[in-house]
Amino acid sequence: MRQVRYAAAMTVREVIQRSTEFLQRHGVDFPRLQAELLLAHLLKLPRLQLYLNHDRALAEPELTALRALVQRRSKREPLQHLVGSTSFVGLEIAVSPAALIPRPETETLAELAAAALSKCATPAPVALDFGTGTGCLAIALATRCKAAQVHALDISEAALTLARANAQRHGLAERIVFHLGDGFGALPEELRCDLIVSNPPYIPTAEIATLQAEVRDFDPRAALDGGADGLDFYRLLARESPAWLNVGGGLFAEFGDGQETALQLMFNDSGWRAVVAHRDLTERPRVLEAWR
């Protein structure tokens, strides 16, 4: 693969243009925005400050570092991995290949779950983030609901290491209890929750190969693969969640395009009540709400 070429003492304006052209040739979406964000990260400046420094010449070490970042982005490595973090409901969340990168649509799940947890009649409600990944949902709940105790479960030790670091970063290490293991069996037997929240794997196995390279090649497959129809983890949640919920407890879970009807039938047939689907900011059905 050809490398992006920078000349000595190129200005911010020139480097952005050269990087944009290179990323565009390699099929990267929004290439100018990506180039600007990478350069802003490298120079430790807010992106808009680049416009006030258009004529600044970059030193050779800066050009070398930017070349490496742009080269990696051209190979479709996610921007979030390159800069090391992403924003989620206003919280800076560190990311790595150990866990799914938090997506904007998951903010809808976080907002709905936090609102429900805040209305809980219990003075100190208990929430569980099933499949916590980066810990973004657990951290959002603990941040928005100061009285809540939050538990976070994941099968991946690497993901939990990342989630713990994110909790520590936001001063929540004492408020979130992390559990390592495969499913509800990894939780303490006595644990009962007022709310369960989950962004489980929901991509049908055969569709993973068709995903964007940034997702297909860099997100953990275990965080994507929901089985033949994408619904394996919802069957588990519909069947096993009630045993871990207090009376009147609820569940909020993100789901994929076209899964709304099947999930509503599944949860209604499993004895859940008030089963509804909420739309995300793009007006797509995205979040399942169900109560016991």
Protein backbone atom coordinates (compact mmCIF):
# COMPACT_ATOMS: atom_id res chain seq x y z
CA MET A 1 0.00 0.00 0.00
CA ARG A 2 1.27 3.47 -0.90
CA GLN A 3 2.05 5.81 1.96
CA VAL A 4 0.69 9.28 2.41
CA ARG A 5 3.39 11.76 1.43
CA TYR A 6 4.09 14.95 3.33
CA ALA A 7 6.75 17.53 2.42
CA ALA A 8 8.95 19.19 5.02
CA ALA A 9 7.36 22.08 6.91
CA MET A 10 3.89 21.55 5.44
CA THR A 11 1.23 23.71 7.06
CA VAL A 12 -1.82 22.50 8.91
CA ARG A 13 -3.96 23.43 5.89
CA GLU A 14 -1.74 21.52 3.48
CA VAL A 15 -1.51 18.45 5.70
CA ILE A 16 -5.28 18.29 6.11
CA GLN A 17 -5.75 18.47 2.35
CA ARG A 18 -3.12 15.81 1.63
CA SER A 19 -4.50 13.50 4.33
CA THR A 20 -8.07 14.00 3.12
CA GLU A 21 -7.15 13.03 -0.44
CA PHE A 22 -5.31 9.93 0.77
CA LEU A 23 -8.18 8.73 2.98
CA GLN A 24 -10.69 9.42 0.23
CA ARG A 25 -8.73 7.24 -2.20
CA HIS A 26 -8.91 4.42 0.34
CA GLY A 27 -12.68 4.61 0.76
CA VAL A 28 -12.80 6.09 4.25
CA ASP A 29 -16.09 7.85 4.99
CA PHE A 30 -15.96 11.58 5.78
CA PRO A 31 -12.24 11.78 4.96
CA ARG A 32 -11.75 15.48 5.76
CA LEU A 33 -13.41 15.15 9.15
CA GLN A 34 -11.28 12.09 9.88
CA ALA A 35 -8.09 13.91 8.85
CA GLU A 36 -8.96 16.89 11.03
CA LEU A 37 -9.78 14.74 14.05
CA LEU A 38 -6.53 12.82 13.76
CA LEU A 39 -4.49 16.00 13.47
CA ALA A 40 -6.35 17.65 16.35
CA HIS A 41 -5.64 14.59 18.49
CA LEU A 42 -1.97 14.65 17.57
CA LEU A 43 -1.59 18.38 18.27
CA LYS A 44 -3.75 18.15 21.42
CA LEU A 45 -6.04 20.88 20.13
CA PRO A 46 -9.83 21.11 19.83
CA ARG A 47 -10.67 20.42 16.20
CA LEU A 48 -12.00 23.94 15.60
CA GLN A 49 -8.68 25.37 16.76
CA LEU A 50 -7.10 23.93 13.61
CA TYR A 51 -8.80 26.70 11.64
CA LEU A 52 -7.01 29.30 13.75
CA ASN A 53 -3.68 27.59 13.07
CA HIS A 54 -3.99 26.87 9.33
CA ASP A 55 -0.63 28.43 8.51
CA ARG A 56 1.31 26.72 11.26
CA ALA A 57 4.11 24.52 9.89
CA LEU A 58 4.35 21.02 11.30
CA ALA A 59 7.69 19.75 12.57
CA GLU A 60 9.11 16.54 11.14
CA PRO A 61 8.25 14.44 14.25
CA GLU A 62 4.65 15.65 13.99
CA LEU A 63 4.50 14.75 10.30
CA THR A 64 5.93 11.30 11.05
CA ALA A 65 3.38 10.67 13.80
CA LEU A 66 0.48 11.89 11.66
CA ARG A 67 1.61 9.75 8.72
CA ALA A 68 1.41 6.66 10.92
CA LEU A 69 -2.10 7.56 12.13
CA VAL A 70 -3.43 8.32 8.65
CA GLN A 71 -1.88 5.14 7.31
CA ARG A 72 -3.62 3.08 9.98
CA ARG A 73 -6.93 4.84 9.35
CA SER A 74 -6.61 4.11 5.63
CA LYS A 75 -6.52 0.42 6.55
CA ARG A 76 -9.90 1.04 8.23
CA GLU A 77 -8.68 0.88 11.81
CA PRO A 78 -11.38 2.79 13.71
CA LEU A 79 -10.74 6.42 14.54
CA GLN A 80 -11.71 5.71 18.15
CA HIS A 81 -8.92 3.14 18.48
CA LEU A 82 -6.42 5.61 17.05
CA VAL A 83 -7.32 8.40 19.45
CA GLY A 84 -7.96 6.00 22.33
CA SER A 85 -11.43 7.11 23.40
CA THR A 86 -14.92 8.19 22.37
CA SER A 87 -17.67 10.34 23.83
CA PHE A 88 -20.74 8.56 25.19
CA VAL A 89 -23.62 10.62 26.67
CA GLY A 90 -21.04 13.30 27.38
CA LEU A 91 -18.64 10.91 29.11
CA GLU A 92 -15.18 10.22 27.74
CA ILE A 93 -14.83 6.43 27.47
CA ALA A 94 -11.51 4.75 26.74
CA VAL A 95 -11.72 2.14 23.99
CA SER A 96 -9.56 -0.72 22.76
CA PRO A 97 -9.89 -3.83 20.58
CA ALA A 98 -11.00 -5.68 23.74
CA ALA A 99 -14.55 -4.35 23.54
CA LEU A 100 -17.20 -3.00 21.20
CA ILE A 101 -16.80 0.72 20.51
CA PRO A 102 -19.80 2.57 22.03
CA ARG A 103 -22.14 3.77 19.29
CA PRO A 104 -24.35 6.88 19.21
CA GLU A 105 -27.50 4.74 19.00
CA THR A 106 -26.61 3.12 22.33
CA GLU A 107 -26.96 6.52 23.97
CA THR A 108 -30.73 6.07 23.55
CA LEU A 109 -30.50 2.88 25.60
CA ALA A 110 -28.46 4.66 28.29
CA GLU A 111 -30.87 7.60 28.52
CA LEU A 112 -33.99 5.41 28.74
CA ALA A 113 -32.48 3.07 31.33
CA ALA A 114 -31.15 5.92 33.47
CA ALA A 115 -34.56 7.62 33.45
CA ALA A 116 -36.27 4.39 34.52
CA LEU A 117 -33.72 3.73 37.25
CA SER A 118 -34.14 7.27 38.60
CA LYS A 119 -37.89 6.69 38.96
CA CYS A 120 -37.42 3.46 40.89
CA ALA A 121 -39.28 3.50 44.22
CA THR A 122 -36.39 1.75 45.97
CA PRO A 123 -34.15 4.27 47.81
CA ALA A 124 -31.00 2.47 46.65
CA PRO A 125 -31.90 0.69 43.40
CA VAL A 126 -29.70 -2.02 41.94
CA ALA A 127 -28.89 -2.25 38.23
CA LEU A 128 -27.04 -4.84 36.17
CA ASP A 129 -25.24 -4.17 32.89
CA PHE A 130 -25.25 -7.55 31.14
CA GLY A 131 -22.25 -7.71 28.79
CA THR A 132 -20.63 -4.46 29.89
CA GLY A 133 -17.76 -4.21 27.35
CA THR A 134 -16.15 -0.80 27.88
CA GLY A 135 -18.41 -0.22 30.88
CA CYS A 136 -20.11 2.73 29.15
CA LEU A 137 -23.66 1.77 30.16
CA ALA A 138 -22.75 0.94 33.76
CA ILE A 139 -20.86 4.22 34.04
CA ALA A 140 -23.74 6.20 32.52
CA LEU A 141 -26.19 4.65 35.01
CA ALA A 142 -23.92 5.25 38.00
CA THR A 143 -23.32 8.84 36.88
CA ARG A 144 -26.98 9.68 36.32
CA CYS A 145 -28.35 7.77 39.34
CA LYS A 146 -26.24 8.67 42.36
CA ALA A 147 -28.12 6.38 44.75
CA ALA A 148 -27.87 3.29 42.58
CA GLN A 149 -25.55 0.35 43.02
CA VAL A 150 -24.47 -0.93 39.61
CA HIS A 151 -23.18 -4.39 38.72
CA ALA A 152 -21.40 -5.07 35.43
CA LEU A 153 -20.91 -8.52 33.90
CA ASP A 154 -18.73 -9.65 31.00
CA ILE A 155 -17.25 -12.89 29.75
CA SER A 156 -14.04 -11.16 28.64
CA GLU A 157 -11.32 -10.45 31.20
CA ALA A 158 -9.73 -7.94 28.81
CA ALA A 159 -13.01 -6.07 28.47
CA LEU A 160 -13.47 -5.96 32.24
CA THR A 161 -9.95 -4.57 32.66
CA LEU A 162 -10.91 -1.77 30.27
CA ALA A 163 -14.27 -1.22 32.01
CA ARG A 164 -12.62 -1.01 35.43
CA ALA A 165 -10.17 1.58 34.11
CA ASN A 166 -13.07 3.61 32.73
CA ALA A 167 -14.92 3.42 36.04
CA GLN A 168 -11.77 4.55 37.85
CA ARG A 169 -11.39 7.42 35.37
CA HIS A 170 -14.84 8.70 36.31
CA GLY A 171 -14.46 8.18 40.05
CA LEU A 172 -16.90 5.27 40.12
CA ALA A 173 -14.67 2.39 41.16
CA GLU A 174 -16.52 2.06 44.49
CA ARG A 175 -19.98 2.23 42.93
CA ILE A 176 -19.68 -0.40 40.21
CA VAL A 177 -19.14 -4.08 41.03
CA PHE A 178 -17.59 -6.07 38.18
CA HIS A 179 -18.18 -9.77 37.56
CA LEU A 180 -16.26 -12.04 35.19
CA GLY A 181 -18.06 -14.98 33.67
CA ASP A 182 -20.44 -16.47 31.11
CA GLY A 183 -24.00 -15.38 31.79
CA PHE A 184 -26.06 -15.04 34.94
CA GLY A 185 -24.32 -18.02 36.57
CA ALA A 186 -21.30 -15.79 37.20
CA LEU A 187 -23.32 -13.52 39.52
CA PRO A 188 -23.71 -13.92 43.30
CA GLU A 189 -26.77 -16.07 44.01
CA GLU A 190 -28.27 -13.47 46.32
CA LEU A 191 -28.12 -10.61 43.80
CA ARG A 192 -31.49 -9.13 42.85
CA CYS A 193 -31.86 -6.15 40.54
CA ASP A 194 -34.44 -3.47 39.88
CA LEU A 195 -33.20 -3.00 36.33
CA ILE A 196 -31.17 -4.96 33.81
CA VAL A 197 -29.64 -3.17 30.84
CA SER A 198 -27.89 -4.84 27.94
CA ASN A 199 -26.42 -4.17 24.52
CA PRO A 200 -25.93 -7.82 23.57
CA PRO A 201 -24.49 -9.23 20.34
CA TYR A 202 -27.32 -9.10 17.79
CA ILE A 203 -25.79 -9.46 14.33
CA PRO A 204 -26.83 -12.69 12.56
CA THR A 205 -23.71 -14.80 12.04
CA ALA A 206 -23.95 -14.78 8.24
CA GLU A 207 -24.19 -10.97 8.12
CA ILE A 208 -20.96 -10.27 9.97
CA ALA A 209 -18.93 -10.61 6.77
CA THR A 210 -21.01 -7.82 5.20
CA LEU A 211 -20.36 -5.24 7.92
CA GLN A 212 -18.13 -2.19 7.52
CA ALA A 213 -14.46 -3.11 7.78
CA GLU A 214 -14.12 -0.91 10.88
CA VAL A 215 -16.66 -3.13 12.65
CA ARG A 216 -16.02 -6.51 11.01
CA ASP A 217 -12.25 -6.47 11.39
CA PHE A 218 -11.73 -4.56 14.63
CA ASP A 219 -14.65 -5.08 17.02
CA PRO A 220 -14.52 -8.39 18.94
CA ARG A 221 -16.54 -11.01 17.07
CA ALA A 222 -18.02 -12.19 20.36
CA ALA A 223 -19.53 -8.72 20.81
CA LEU A 224 -21.21 -8.91 17.39
CA ASP A 225 -22.33 -12.50 16.78
CA GLY A 226 -25.89 -13.08 17.97
CA GLY A 227 -26.27 -16.52 16.41
CA ALA A 228 -28.05 -17.61 13.24
CA ASP A 229 -30.89 -15.08 13.56
CA GLY A 230 -29.13 -12.64 15.88
CA LEU A 231 -31.52 -13.36 18.75
CA ASP A 232 -29.63 -15.92 20.86
CA PHE A 233 -28.88 -13.52 23.71
CA TYR A 234 -32.44 -12.18 23.83
CA ARG A 235 -33.75 -15.71 24.32
CA LEU A 236 -31.39 -16.00 27.29
CA LEU A 237 -32.47 -12.61 28.66
CA ALA A 238 -36.18 -13.36 28.22
CA ARG A 239 -35.80 -16.74 29.91
CA GLU A 240 -33.30 -16.10 32.71
CA SER A 241 -33.59 -12.42 33.64
CA PRO A 242 -36.76 -12.79 35.77
CA ALA A 243 -34.94 -14.84 38.40
CA TRP A 244 -32.55 -11.91 38.95
CA LEU A 245 -35.15 -9.15 39.08
CA ASN A 246 -37.06 -7.83 42.04
CA VAL A 247 -40.85 -7.75 41.75
CA GLY A 248 -41.72 -5.07 39.23
CA GLY A 249 -38.20 -4.99 37.82
CA GLY A 250 -37.50 -4.15 34.20
CA LEU A 251 -35.14 -4.72 31.31
CA PHE A 252 -33.86 -2.41 28.58
CA ALA A 253 -31.91 -3.93 25.68
CA GLU A 254 -30.64 -2.65 22.35
CA PHE A 255 -31.51 -4.62 19.21
CA GLY A 256 -30.79 -4.56 15.50
CA ASP A 257 -32.72 -3.51 12.41
CA GLY A 258 -35.72 -5.70 11.67
CA GLN A 259 -35.75 -7.50 15.04
CA GLU A 260 -38.50 -5.48 16.72
CA THR A 261 -41.50 -7.73 16.03
CA ALA A 262 -39.73 -10.99 16.86
CA LEU A 263 -38.50 -9.61 20.17
CA GLN A 264 -41.87 -8.24 21.22
CA LEU A 265 -43.46 -11.63 20.52
CA MET A 266 -40.64 -13.41 22.34
CA PHE A 267 -40.93 -11.34 25.50
CA ASN A 268 -44.73 -11.30 25.53
CA ASP A 269 -44.76 -15.09 25.16
CA SER A 270 -42.28 -15.36 28.06
CA GLY A 271 -44.65 -13.55 30.43
CA TRP A 272 -43.17 -10.06 30.36
CA ARG A 273 -45.53 -7.07 30.40
CA ALA A 274 -45.46 -3.56 28.94
CA VAL A 275 -43.17 -4.74 26.14
CA VAL A 276 -42.45 -1.77 23.90
CA ALA A 277 -39.80 -0.73 21.38
CA HIS A 278 -38.25 2.76 21.42
CA ARG A 279 -36.72 4.54 18.44
CA ASP A 280 -33.22 5.96 18.36
CA LEU A 281 -32.22 9.40 17.07
CA THR A 282 -32.41 8.14 13.48
CA GLU A 283 -36.03 7.03 14.09
CA ARG A 284 -35.16 3.34 13.84
CA PRO A 285 -36.63 0.93 16.41
CA ARG A 286 -33.62 0.28 18.65
CA VAL A 287 -34.39 -0.34 22.35
CA LEU A 288 -36.65 -2.97 23.89
CA GLU A 289 -38.33 -2.15 27.21
CA ALA A 290 -40.01 -4.92 29.20
CA TRP A 291 -41.19 -5.33 32.80
CA ARG A 292 -42.02 -8.15 35.19
